[in-house]
Amino acid sequence: MPQLIVRGIKPEKLATVSEPLLEELAVLCGCGTDNFTIECLHTTGVFGGGVVESFPFVEVAWFERGQETRDKFAEIVTRHVLSLDIPEVEMAFIAYQKESYYANGKHF
């Protein structure tokens, strides 16, 4: 169920590490790789009166799994992103509440 929403990284680049990335995350979270989604948003940065490349940023939406798992998750994602010759990346986690998350009209 964890959703990785990525901006500032070209989809073609991220695709090259997506399989090993999801394999590591699946082991960490104790679920299958098919529980994850990765979406690369096409964004345009604007700064100083001009168009600039968007800063690499990953937003992780998931059900909370605790600080230790969150730290390891962030380390795994960061390691794979930096392996793409991207000098830095930032990440934020958004925790869903089971009673506020619905699938086909029914909450978890």
N, C-alpha and C. Protein backbone atom coordinates (compact mmCIF):
# COMPACT_ATOMS: atom_id res chain seq x y z
N MET A 1 0.80 -1.19 0.00
CA MET A 1 0.00 0.00 0.00
C MET A 1 0.85 1.26 0.00
N PRO A 2 2.10 1.19 0.48
CA PRO A 2 2.87 2.43 0.44
C PRO A 2 2.92 3.01 -0.97
N GLN A 3 2.67 4.30 -1.05
CA GLN A 3 2.70 5.02 -2.32
C GLN A 3 3.86 5.99 -2.32
N LEU A 4 4.72 5.90 -3.31
CA LEU A 4 5.83 6.84 -3.46
C LEU A 4 5.47 7.79 -4.59
N ILE A 5 5.34 9.06 -4.25
CA ILE A 5 5.03 10.08 -5.24
C ILE A 5 6.29 10.92 -5.41
N VAL A 6 6.83 10.90 -6.61
CA VAL A 6 8.17 11.43 -6.86
C VAL A 6 8.09 12.61 -7.82
N ARG A 7 8.83 13.66 -7.50
CA ARG A 7 8.96 14.76 -8.45
C ARG A 7 10.44 15.16 -8.53
N GLY A 8 10.79 15.74 -9.65
CA GLY A 8 12.17 16.19 -9.84
C GLY A 8 13.13 15.09 -10.24
N ILE A 9 12.62 13.90 -10.55
CA ILE A 9 13.44 12.78 -11.02
C ILE A 9 12.76 12.22 -12.26
N LYS A 10 13.51 12.09 -13.33
CA LYS A 10 12.93 11.61 -14.58
C LYS A 10 12.47 10.15 -14.42
N PRO A 11 11.27 9.85 -14.90
CA PRO A 11 10.74 8.49 -14.78
C PRO A 11 11.67 7.42 -15.35
N GLU A 12 12.31 7.73 -16.46
CA GLU A 12 13.21 6.76 -17.09
C GLU A 12 14.39 6.43 -16.17
N LYS A 13 14.86 7.43 -15.44
CA LYS A 13 15.96 7.20 -14.49
C LYS A 13 15.49 6.37 -13.31
N LEU A 14 14.37 6.75 -12.74
CA LEU A 14 13.87 6.06 -11.56
C LEU A 14 13.50 4.61 -11.89
N ALA A 15 13.03 4.38 -13.09
CA ALA A 15 12.65 3.02 -13.51
C ALA A 15 13.84 2.06 -13.44
N THR A 16 15.05 2.56 -13.64
CA THR A 16 16.23 1.69 -13.64
C THR A 16 16.53 1.10 -12.26
N VAL A 17 16.04 1.74 -11.20
CA VAL A 17 16.28 1.21 -9.84
C VAL A 17 14.98 0.75 -9.18
N SER A 18 13.87 0.84 -9.89
CA SER A 18 12.58 0.55 -9.26
C SER A 18 12.46 -0.89 -8.77
N GLU A 19 12.96 -1.84 -9.52
CA GLU A 19 12.81 -3.24 -9.11
C GLU A 19 13.60 -3.54 -7.83
N PRO A 20 14.91 -3.26 -7.77
CA PRO A 20 15.62 -3.53 -6.52
C PRO A 20 15.13 -2.65 -5.36
N LEU A 21 14.69 -1.44 -5.66
CA LEU A 21 14.15 -0.56 -4.63
C LEU A 21 12.93 -1.20 -3.98
N LEU A 22 11.98 -1.63 -4.80
CA LEU A 22 10.75 -2.21 -4.27
C LEU A 22 11.00 -3.55 -3.59
N GLU A 23 11.96 -4.32 -4.07
CA GLU A 23 12.29 -5.58 -3.41
C GLU A 23 12.78 -5.34 -1.99
N GLU A 24 13.65 -4.35 -1.81
CA GLU A 24 14.15 -4.02 -0.46
C GLU A 24 13.03 -3.49 0.43
N LEU A 25 12.20 -2.61 -0.13
CA LEU A 25 11.12 -2.04 0.67
C LEU A 25 10.10 -3.10 1.06
N ALA A 26 9.84 -4.05 0.19
CA ALA A 26 8.89 -5.12 0.49
C ALA A 26 9.38 -5.98 1.65
N VAL A 27 10.66 -6.29 1.66
CA VAL A 27 11.23 -7.06 2.77
C VAL A 27 11.09 -6.27 4.07
N LEU A 28 11.43 -4.99 4.02
CA LEU A 28 11.34 -4.14 5.21
C LEU A 28 9.92 -4.07 5.74
N CYS A 29 8.95 -3.91 4.85
CA CYS A 29 7.55 -3.72 5.26
C CYS A 29 6.79 -5.03 5.44
N GLY A 30 7.41 -6.14 5.06
CA GLY A 30 6.76 -7.43 5.22
C GLY A 30 5.56 -7.63 4.31
N CYS A 31 5.68 -7.17 3.08
CA CYS A 31 4.60 -7.34 2.11
C CYS A 31 5.21 -7.59 0.73
N GLY A 32 4.37 -7.83 -0.24
CA GLY A 32 4.84 -8.07 -1.60
C GLY A 32 5.15 -6.76 -2.32
N THR A 33 5.94 -6.86 -3.37
CA THR A 33 6.27 -5.66 -4.16
C THR A 33 5.02 -5.09 -4.84
N ASP A 34 4.02 -5.94 -5.03
CA ASP A 34 2.79 -5.48 -5.68
C ASP A 34 1.93 -4.61 -4.76
N ASN A 35 2.33 -4.46 -3.52
CA ASN A 35 1.62 -3.56 -2.61
C ASN A 35 2.05 -2.11 -2.76
N PHE A 36 3.11 -1.86 -3.51
CA PHE A 36 3.67 -0.52 -3.66
C PHE A 36 3.25 0.10 -4.99
N THR A 37 3.15 1.43 -4.98
CA THR A 37 3.03 2.17 -6.23
C THR A 37 4.08 3.27 -6.23
N ILE A 38 4.62 3.51 -7.40
CA ILE A 38 5.54 4.63 -7.60
C ILE A 38 4.97 5.47 -8.73
N GLU A 39 4.80 6.75 -8.46
CA GLU A 39 4.32 7.66 -9.50
C GLU A 39 5.29 8.82 -9.60
N CYS A 40 5.70 9.11 -10.82
CA CYS A 40 6.57 10.25 -11.08
C CYS A 40 5.73 11.39 -11.64
N LEU A 41 5.66 12.46 -10.89
CA LEU A 41 4.91 13.62 -11.33
C LEU A 41 5.77 14.48 -12.25
N HIS A 42 5.17 14.98 -13.30
CA HIS A 42 5.86 15.91 -14.18
C HIS A 42 5.61 17.31 -13.64
N THR A 43 6.65 17.94 -13.14
CA THR A 43 6.52 19.26 -12.53
C THR A 43 7.47 20.24 -13.20
N THR A 44 7.17 21.49 -13.05
CA THR A 44 8.02 22.56 -13.57
C THR A 44 8.34 23.50 -12.41
N GLY A 45 9.61 23.65 -12.12
CA GLY A 45 10.03 24.55 -11.07
C GLY A 45 10.14 25.97 -11.59
N VAL A 46 9.84 26.92 -10.73
CA VAL A 46 9.96 28.33 -11.07
C VAL A 46 10.73 29.00 -9.95
N PHE A 47 11.75 29.77 -10.32
CA PHE A 47 12.55 30.47 -9.31
C PHE A 47 13.25 31.65 -9.97
N GLY A 48 13.28 32.77 -9.28
CA GLY A 48 14.02 33.93 -9.75
C GLY A 48 13.59 34.44 -11.11
N GLY A 49 12.33 34.33 -11.40
CA GLY A 49 11.83 34.83 -12.68
C GLY A 49 12.02 33.89 -13.84
N GLY A 50 12.46 32.67 -13.57
CA GLY A 50 12.69 31.72 -14.66
C GLY A 50 12.23 30.33 -14.32
N VAL A 51 12.29 29.47 -15.31
CA VAL A 51 11.94 28.07 -15.15
C VAL A 51 13.21 27.30 -14.78
N VAL A 52 13.12 26.49 -13.73
CA VAL A 52 14.25 25.69 -13.28
C VAL A 52 13.79 24.24 -13.11
N GLU A 53 14.75 23.33 -12.98
CA GLU A 53 14.37 21.93 -12.73
C GLU A 53 13.80 21.81 -11.33
N SER A 54 12.84 20.94 -11.19
CA SER A 54 12.24 20.69 -9.88
C SER A 54 13.24 19.96 -8.99
N PHE A 55 13.21 20.29 -7.70
CA PHE A 55 14.08 19.65 -6.73
C PHE A 55 13.61 18.22 -6.49
N PRO A 56 14.54 17.26 -6.43
CA PRO A 56 14.15 15.87 -6.18
C PRO A 56 13.47 15.72 -4.81
N PHE A 57 12.24 15.22 -4.82
CA PHE A 57 11.46 15.09 -3.60
C PHE A 57 10.60 13.85 -3.70
N VAL A 58 10.56 13.06 -2.63
CA VAL A 58 9.75 11.85 -2.58
C VAL A 58 8.76 11.99 -1.43
N GLU A 59 7.50 11.82 -1.72
CA GLU A 59 6.46 11.82 -0.69
C GLU A 59 5.99 10.38 -0.54
N VAL A 60 6.00 9.89 0.68
CA VAL A 60 5.59 8.52 0.97
C VAL A 60 4.28 8.57 1.75
N ALA A 61 3.24 8.02 1.16
CA ALA A 61 1.93 7.93 1.83
C ALA A 61 1.73 6.47 2.20
N TRP A 62 1.47 6.23 3.50
CA TRP A 62 1.38 4.86 3.98
C TRP A 62 0.67 4.79 5.32
N PHE A 63 0.48 3.57 5.81
CA PHE A 63 0.02 3.37 7.17
C PHE A 63 1.28 3.34 8.04
N GLU A 64 1.28 4.09 9.11
CA GLU A 64 2.46 4.25 9.95
C GLU A 64 3.01 2.90 10.43
N ARG A 65 4.33 2.78 10.38
CA ARG A 65 5.00 1.55 10.78
C ARG A 65 6.07 1.79 11.85
N GLY A 66 6.12 3.00 12.40
CA GLY A 66 7.07 3.29 13.47
C GLY A 66 8.35 3.96 12.98
N GLN A 67 9.03 4.61 13.91
CA GLN A 67 10.22 5.40 13.59
C GLN A 67 11.35 4.56 12.99
N GLU A 68 11.59 3.39 13.55
CA GLU A 68 12.69 2.55 13.05
C GLU A 68 12.46 2.15 11.60
N THR A 69 11.24 1.70 11.28
CA THR A 69 10.92 1.32 9.90
C THR A 69 10.95 2.54 8.99
N ARG A 70 10.43 3.67 9.46
CA ARG A 70 10.44 4.90 8.67
C ARG A 70 11.88 5.32 8.34
N ASP A 71 12.76 5.26 9.34
CA ASP A 71 14.16 5.62 9.12
C ASP A 71 14.82 4.71 8.08
N LYS A 72 14.58 3.40 8.20
CA LYS A 72 15.18 2.45 7.26
C LYS A 72 14.59 2.63 5.86
N PHE A 73 13.28 2.87 5.78
CA PHE A 73 12.61 3.12 4.50
C PHE A 73 13.26 4.33 3.82
N ALA A 74 13.45 5.40 4.57
CA ALA A 74 14.06 6.62 4.03
C ALA A 74 15.49 6.35 3.57
N GLU A 75 16.22 5.55 4.32
CA GLU A 75 17.60 5.23 3.95
C GLU A 75 17.64 4.44 2.64
N ILE A 76 16.74 3.47 2.50
CA ILE A 76 16.71 2.65 1.29
C ILE A 76 16.37 3.51 0.07
N VAL A 77 15.31 4.31 0.16
CA VAL A 77 14.91 5.17 -0.96
C VAL A 77 16.04 6.14 -1.31
N THR A 78 16.61 6.77 -0.30
CA THR A 78 17.68 7.75 -0.53
C THR A 78 18.88 7.10 -1.22
N ARG A 79 19.28 5.92 -0.77
CA ARG A 79 20.43 5.23 -1.37
C ARG A 79 20.19 4.96 -2.85
N HIS A 80 19.00 4.49 -3.19
CA HIS A 80 18.70 4.19 -4.59
C HIS A 80 18.63 5.46 -5.44
N VAL A 81 18.04 6.52 -4.91
CA VAL A 81 17.96 7.78 -5.67
C VAL A 81 19.36 8.36 -5.89
N LEU A 82 20.17 8.37 -4.84
CA LEU A 82 21.53 8.93 -4.99
C LEU A 82 22.38 8.10 -5.95
N SER A 83 22.07 6.82 -6.10
CA SER A 83 22.81 5.98 -7.05
C SER A 83 22.57 6.40 -8.50
N LEU A 84 21.58 7.26 -8.72
CA LEU A 84 21.26 7.75 -10.07
C LEU A 84 22.04 9.02 -10.41
N ASP A 85 23.09 9.31 -9.64
CA ASP A 85 23.89 10.54 -9.81
C ASP A 85 23.05 11.78 -9.54
N ILE A 86 22.13 11.66 -8.63
CA ILE A 86 21.35 12.79 -8.15
C ILE A 86 22.00 13.19 -6.83
N PRO A 87 22.44 14.44 -6.69
CA PRO A 87 23.25 14.81 -5.52
C PRO A 87 22.51 14.88 -4.19
N GLU A 88 21.22 15.14 -4.21
CA GLU A 88 20.46 15.15 -2.95
C GLU A 88 18.99 14.95 -3.23
N VAL A 89 18.30 14.46 -2.21
CA VAL A 89 16.86 14.22 -2.31
C VAL A 89 16.27 14.44 -0.93
N GLU A 90 15.05 14.94 -0.90
CA GLU A 90 14.33 15.08 0.36
C GLU A 90 13.09 14.22 0.30
N MET A 91 12.57 13.89 1.50
CA MET A 91 11.45 12.97 1.58
C MET A 91 10.55 13.36 2.75
N ALA A 92 9.27 13.13 2.58
CA ALA A 92 8.31 13.35 3.67
C ALA A 92 7.33 12.18 3.69
N PHE A 93 6.90 11.83 4.89
CA PHE A 93 5.95 10.74 5.08
C PHE A 93 4.60 11.31 5.48
N ILE A 94 3.56 10.76 4.89
CA ILE A 94 2.18 11.08 5.26
C ILE A 94 1.55 9.78 5.73
N ALA A 95 1.08 9.78 6.97
CA ALA A 95 0.50 8.56 7.54
C ALA A 95 -1.02 8.60 7.41
N TYR A 96 -1.55 7.58 6.74
CA TYR A 96 -2.99 7.42 6.65
C TYR A 96 -3.51 6.76 7.93
N GLN A 97 -4.73 7.10 8.30
CA GLN A 97 -5.42 6.44 9.40
C GLN A 97 -6.34 5.39 8.79
N LYS A 98 -6.33 4.18 9.34
CA LYS A 98 -7.13 3.10 8.75
C LYS A 98 -8.61 3.46 8.61
N GLU A 99 -9.15 4.17 9.61
CA GLU A 99 -10.58 4.52 9.55
C GLU A 99 -10.88 5.62 8.53
N SER A 100 -9.83 6.26 8.01
CA SER A 100 -10.01 7.33 7.02
C SER A 100 -9.56 6.91 5.63
N TYR A 101 -9.18 5.65 5.45
CA TYR A 101 -8.71 5.15 4.16
C TYR A 101 -9.74 4.16 3.64
N TYR A 102 -10.20 4.37 2.43
CA TYR A 102 -11.26 3.56 1.85
C TYR A 102 -10.79 2.85 0.59
N ALA A 103 -11.23 1.63 0.42
CA ALA A 103 -11.04 0.88 -0.81
C ALA A 103 -12.42 0.37 -1.23
N ASN A 104 -12.85 0.78 -2.40
CA ASN A 104 -14.17 0.39 -2.90
C ASN A 104 -15.29 0.72 -1.93
N GLY A 105 -15.15 1.91 -1.30
CA GLY A 105 -16.21 2.41 -0.44
C GLY A 105 -16.21 1.86 0.98
N LYS A 106 -15.22 1.03 1.34
CA LYS A 106 -15.17 0.47 2.68
C LYS A 106 -13.83 0.86 3.32
N HIS A 107 -13.91 1.30 4.60
CA HIS A 107 -12.66 1.68 5.26
C HIS A 107 -11.93 0.45 5.78
N PHE A 108 -10.65 0.61 5.96
CA PHE A 108 -9.80 -0.50 6.42
C PHE A 108 -10.02 -0.77 7.88
